[in-house]
N, C-alpha and C. Protein backbone atom coordinates (compact mmCIF):
# COMPACT_ATOMS: atom_id res chain seq x y z
N MET A 1 52.25 -83.18 -30.84
CA MET A 1 51.41 -82.61 -31.85
C MET A 1 50.05 -82.28 -31.24
N ALA A 2 49.62 -81.07 -31.38
CA ALA A 2 48.34 -80.61 -30.82
C ALA A 2 47.18 -81.09 -31.69
N TRP A 3 46.07 -81.39 -31.04
CA TRP A 3 44.88 -81.82 -31.77
C TRP A 3 44.29 -80.62 -32.49
N ARG A 4 43.90 -80.84 -33.72
CA ARG A 4 43.23 -79.81 -34.51
C ARG A 4 41.87 -80.33 -34.95
N PRO A 5 40.89 -79.46 -35.01
CA PRO A 5 39.58 -79.91 -35.50
C PRO A 5 39.66 -80.26 -36.98
N PRO A 6 38.81 -81.14 -37.45
CA PRO A 6 38.84 -81.50 -38.87
C PRO A 6 38.44 -80.32 -39.74
N ASP A 7 38.94 -80.31 -40.96
CA ASP A 7 38.59 -79.25 -41.90
C ASP A 7 37.13 -79.33 -42.33
N GLN A 8 36.60 -80.53 -42.37
CA GLN A 8 35.23 -80.72 -42.81
C GLN A 8 34.61 -81.91 -42.10
N VAL A 9 33.32 -81.78 -41.76
CA VAL A 9 32.59 -82.88 -41.13
C VAL A 9 31.34 -83.13 -41.97
N MET A 10 31.10 -84.38 -42.29
CA MET A 10 29.92 -84.77 -43.06
C MET A 10 28.95 -85.48 -42.13
N TYR A 11 27.71 -84.98 -42.09
CA TYR A 11 26.68 -85.57 -41.24
C TYR A 11 25.69 -86.35 -42.09
N GLU A 12 25.36 -87.54 -41.61
CA GLU A 12 24.30 -88.33 -42.23
C GLU A 12 23.14 -88.36 -41.25
N GLY A 13 21.95 -88.16 -41.74
CA GLY A 13 20.78 -88.18 -40.87
C GLY A 13 19.52 -87.92 -41.67
N HIS A 14 18.46 -87.65 -40.95
CA HIS A 14 17.19 -87.39 -41.63
C HIS A 14 16.44 -86.27 -40.93
N PHE A 15 15.63 -85.59 -41.70
CA PHE A 15 14.76 -84.57 -41.14
C PHE A 15 13.54 -85.26 -40.53
N GLU A 16 13.12 -84.74 -39.39
CA GLU A 16 11.94 -85.26 -38.72
C GLU A 16 10.96 -84.11 -38.53
N PHE A 17 9.74 -84.31 -38.98
CA PHE A 17 8.70 -83.29 -38.89
C PHE A 17 7.70 -83.73 -37.82
N THR A 18 7.44 -82.84 -36.87
CA THR A 18 6.48 -83.13 -35.81
C THR A 18 5.29 -82.21 -36.00
N LEU A 19 4.15 -82.80 -36.33
CA LEU A 19 2.93 -82.05 -36.56
C LEU A 19 2.16 -81.95 -35.26
N LYS A 20 1.80 -80.72 -34.88
CA LYS A 20 1.13 -80.48 -33.60
C LYS A 20 -0.16 -79.71 -33.80
N ASP A 21 -1.10 -79.92 -32.88
CA ASP A 21 -2.35 -79.16 -32.93
C ASP A 21 -2.17 -77.81 -32.25
N ALA A 22 -3.23 -77.04 -32.15
CA ALA A 22 -3.16 -75.69 -31.59
C ALA A 22 -2.72 -75.66 -30.14
N ASP A 23 -2.94 -76.74 -29.41
CA ASP A 23 -2.55 -76.82 -28.00
C ASP A 23 -1.14 -77.39 -27.81
N GLY A 24 -0.47 -77.74 -28.91
CA GLY A 24 0.89 -78.26 -28.83
C GLY A 24 0.99 -79.77 -28.71
N PHE A 25 -0.15 -80.45 -28.82
CA PHE A 25 -0.12 -81.91 -28.74
C PHE A 25 0.36 -82.49 -30.07
N VAL A 26 1.20 -83.51 -29.98
CA VAL A 26 1.73 -84.15 -31.18
C VAL A 26 0.64 -85.00 -31.84
N LEU A 27 0.40 -84.69 -33.10
CA LEU A 27 -0.57 -85.46 -33.87
C LEU A 27 0.13 -86.58 -34.64
N MET A 28 1.35 -86.29 -35.11
CA MET A 28 2.05 -87.27 -35.93
C MET A 28 3.50 -86.83 -36.11
N LYS A 29 4.39 -87.80 -36.27
CA LYS A 29 5.78 -87.52 -36.63
C LYS A 29 6.07 -88.19 -37.96
N VAL A 30 6.78 -87.47 -38.82
CA VAL A 30 7.12 -87.99 -40.14
C VAL A 30 8.62 -87.85 -40.32
N ALA A 31 9.27 -88.95 -40.69
CA ALA A 31 10.71 -88.92 -40.94
C ALA A 31 10.95 -88.99 -42.45
N ALA A 32 11.84 -88.14 -42.92
CA ALA A 32 12.21 -88.13 -44.33
C ALA A 32 13.39 -89.08 -44.55
N PRO A 33 13.70 -89.41 -45.80
CA PRO A 33 14.85 -90.27 -46.09
C PRO A 33 16.16 -89.60 -45.68
N ASN A 34 17.22 -90.39 -45.61
CA ASN A 34 18.54 -89.87 -45.21
C ASN A 34 19.04 -88.79 -46.16
N GLU A 35 19.72 -87.83 -45.57
CA GLU A 35 20.39 -86.75 -46.29
C GLU A 35 21.82 -86.69 -45.80
N TYR A 36 22.68 -86.05 -46.56
CA TYR A 36 24.08 -85.86 -46.18
C TYR A 36 24.35 -84.36 -46.19
N LEU A 37 24.75 -83.83 -45.03
CA LEU A 37 25.03 -82.41 -44.88
C LEU A 37 26.48 -82.20 -44.48
N SER A 38 27.08 -81.18 -45.04
CA SER A 38 28.48 -80.88 -44.75
C SER A 38 28.54 -79.64 -43.87
N ALA A 39 29.20 -79.76 -42.72
CA ALA A 39 29.34 -78.64 -41.79
C ALA A 39 30.19 -77.56 -42.45
N GLY A 40 29.81 -76.32 -42.23
CA GLY A 40 30.56 -75.20 -42.76
C GLY A 40 30.31 -74.93 -44.23
N SER A 41 29.30 -75.57 -44.80
CA SER A 41 28.96 -75.38 -46.21
C SER A 41 27.50 -75.00 -46.33
N ASP A 42 27.17 -74.38 -47.46
CA ASP A 42 25.76 -74.17 -47.78
C ASP A 42 25.22 -75.48 -48.32
N ASN A 43 24.21 -76.02 -47.64
CA ASN A 43 23.62 -77.29 -48.04
C ASN A 43 22.21 -77.04 -48.54
N SER A 44 21.94 -77.48 -49.73
CA SER A 44 20.59 -77.41 -50.27
C SER A 44 20.00 -78.80 -50.25
N VAL A 45 18.82 -78.91 -49.70
CA VAL A 45 18.13 -80.20 -49.69
C VAL A 45 16.70 -79.99 -50.16
N GLN A 46 16.24 -80.96 -50.88
CA GLN A 46 14.85 -80.96 -51.31
C GLN A 46 14.46 -82.40 -51.48
N GLY A 47 13.37 -82.78 -50.88
CA GLY A 47 12.97 -84.16 -50.98
C GLY A 47 11.55 -84.35 -50.50
N THR A 48 11.16 -85.57 -50.43
CA THR A 48 9.82 -85.91 -49.97
C THR A 48 9.92 -87.04 -48.97
N ALA A 49 8.91 -87.13 -48.14
CA ALA A 49 8.79 -88.25 -47.21
C ALA A 49 7.77 -89.21 -47.79
N ASP A 50 7.99 -90.48 -47.59
CA ASP A 50 7.11 -91.50 -48.18
C ASP A 50 5.80 -91.70 -47.43
N GLU A 51 5.77 -91.26 -46.18
CA GLU A 51 4.61 -91.51 -45.34
C GLU A 51 3.44 -90.61 -45.75
N THR A 52 2.24 -91.17 -45.78
CA THR A 52 1.03 -90.42 -46.10
C THR A 52 0.46 -89.82 -44.82
N ILE A 53 0.10 -88.55 -44.90
CA ILE A 53 -0.49 -87.86 -43.75
C ILE A 53 -2.00 -87.84 -43.94
N PRO A 54 -2.75 -88.42 -43.01
CA PRO A 54 -4.21 -88.44 -43.14
C PRO A 54 -4.79 -87.03 -43.15
N SER A 55 -5.88 -86.86 -43.86
CA SER A 55 -6.50 -85.53 -43.97
C SER A 55 -6.93 -84.99 -42.60
N SER A 56 -7.33 -85.86 -41.69
CA SER A 56 -7.72 -85.40 -40.35
C SER A 56 -6.54 -84.78 -39.60
N VAL A 57 -5.33 -85.31 -39.84
CA VAL A 57 -4.13 -84.74 -39.22
C VAL A 57 -3.79 -83.41 -39.89
N ILE A 58 -3.92 -83.35 -41.20
CA ILE A 58 -3.63 -82.11 -41.93
C ILE A 58 -4.52 -80.99 -41.43
N VAL A 59 -5.80 -81.25 -41.30
CA VAL A 59 -6.75 -80.23 -40.84
C VAL A 59 -6.43 -79.76 -39.42
N GLY A 60 -6.02 -80.68 -38.57
CA GLY A 60 -5.74 -80.35 -37.17
C GLY A 60 -4.36 -79.76 -36.92
N THR A 61 -3.48 -79.80 -37.89
CA THR A 61 -2.11 -79.31 -37.70
C THR A 61 -2.06 -77.80 -37.72
N LYS A 62 -1.50 -77.23 -36.66
CA LYS A 62 -1.33 -75.78 -36.56
C LYS A 62 0.13 -75.38 -36.44
N HIS A 63 1.00 -76.32 -36.06
CA HIS A 63 2.43 -76.06 -35.91
C HIS A 63 3.21 -77.28 -36.43
N VAL A 64 4.33 -76.99 -37.09
CA VAL A 64 5.21 -78.06 -37.54
C VAL A 64 6.62 -77.75 -37.03
N ASP A 65 7.16 -78.65 -36.22
CA ASP A 65 8.55 -78.54 -35.76
C ASP A 65 9.41 -79.41 -36.67
N VAL A 66 10.58 -78.88 -37.03
CA VAL A 66 11.50 -79.62 -37.90
C VAL A 66 12.83 -79.78 -37.19
N GLY A 67 13.36 -80.98 -37.20
CA GLY A 67 14.67 -81.24 -36.62
C GLY A 67 15.47 -82.14 -37.54
N PHE A 68 16.78 -82.10 -37.39
CA PHE A 68 17.66 -82.99 -38.14
C PHE A 68 18.25 -83.98 -37.16
N VAL A 69 17.95 -85.26 -37.35
CA VAL A 69 18.43 -86.32 -36.47
C VAL A 69 19.70 -86.91 -37.09
N VAL A 70 20.84 -86.73 -36.43
CA VAL A 70 22.12 -87.22 -36.94
C VAL A 70 22.26 -88.69 -36.57
N THR A 71 22.51 -89.52 -37.58
CA THR A 71 22.69 -90.94 -37.35
C THR A 71 24.15 -91.37 -37.51
N ASN A 72 24.95 -90.53 -38.20
CA ASN A 72 26.35 -90.85 -38.39
C ASN A 72 27.07 -89.57 -38.80
N CYS A 73 28.36 -89.50 -38.51
CA CYS A 73 29.15 -88.38 -38.99
C CYS A 73 30.58 -88.85 -39.25
N ASN A 74 31.26 -88.12 -40.12
CA ASN A 74 32.60 -88.52 -40.51
C ASN A 74 33.44 -87.27 -40.73
N PRO A 75 34.54 -87.04 -40.09
CA PRO A 75 34.99 -87.81 -38.93
C PRO A 75 34.35 -87.26 -37.67
N CYS A 76 34.05 -88.10 -36.76
CA CYS A 76 33.53 -87.69 -35.45
C CYS A 76 34.35 -88.40 -34.39
N GLU A 77 35.33 -87.73 -33.89
CA GLU A 77 36.20 -88.30 -32.88
C GLU A 77 36.18 -87.40 -31.66
N ALA A 78 35.78 -87.94 -30.55
CA ALA A 78 35.80 -87.15 -29.31
C ALA A 78 37.24 -87.02 -28.81
N LYS A 79 37.61 -85.82 -28.49
CA LYS A 79 38.96 -85.57 -27.97
C LYS A 79 38.86 -84.91 -26.61
């Protein structure tokens, strides 16, 4: 029997926001609560992060990088 990819994969993880100044230096990183995303589907997410961003960081922020950090997936089997 040949291996077939799963029909659906569910990812658990969180969004991470990296706030940078005009020169690209990291001022702060903020992680949001866990989200669940399904591969191959339209995923809508809306939420808030609990961490407070100081006004000095807000004023100095010129770029925000966003990434999704995967902490678990189902099924995730290496073949």
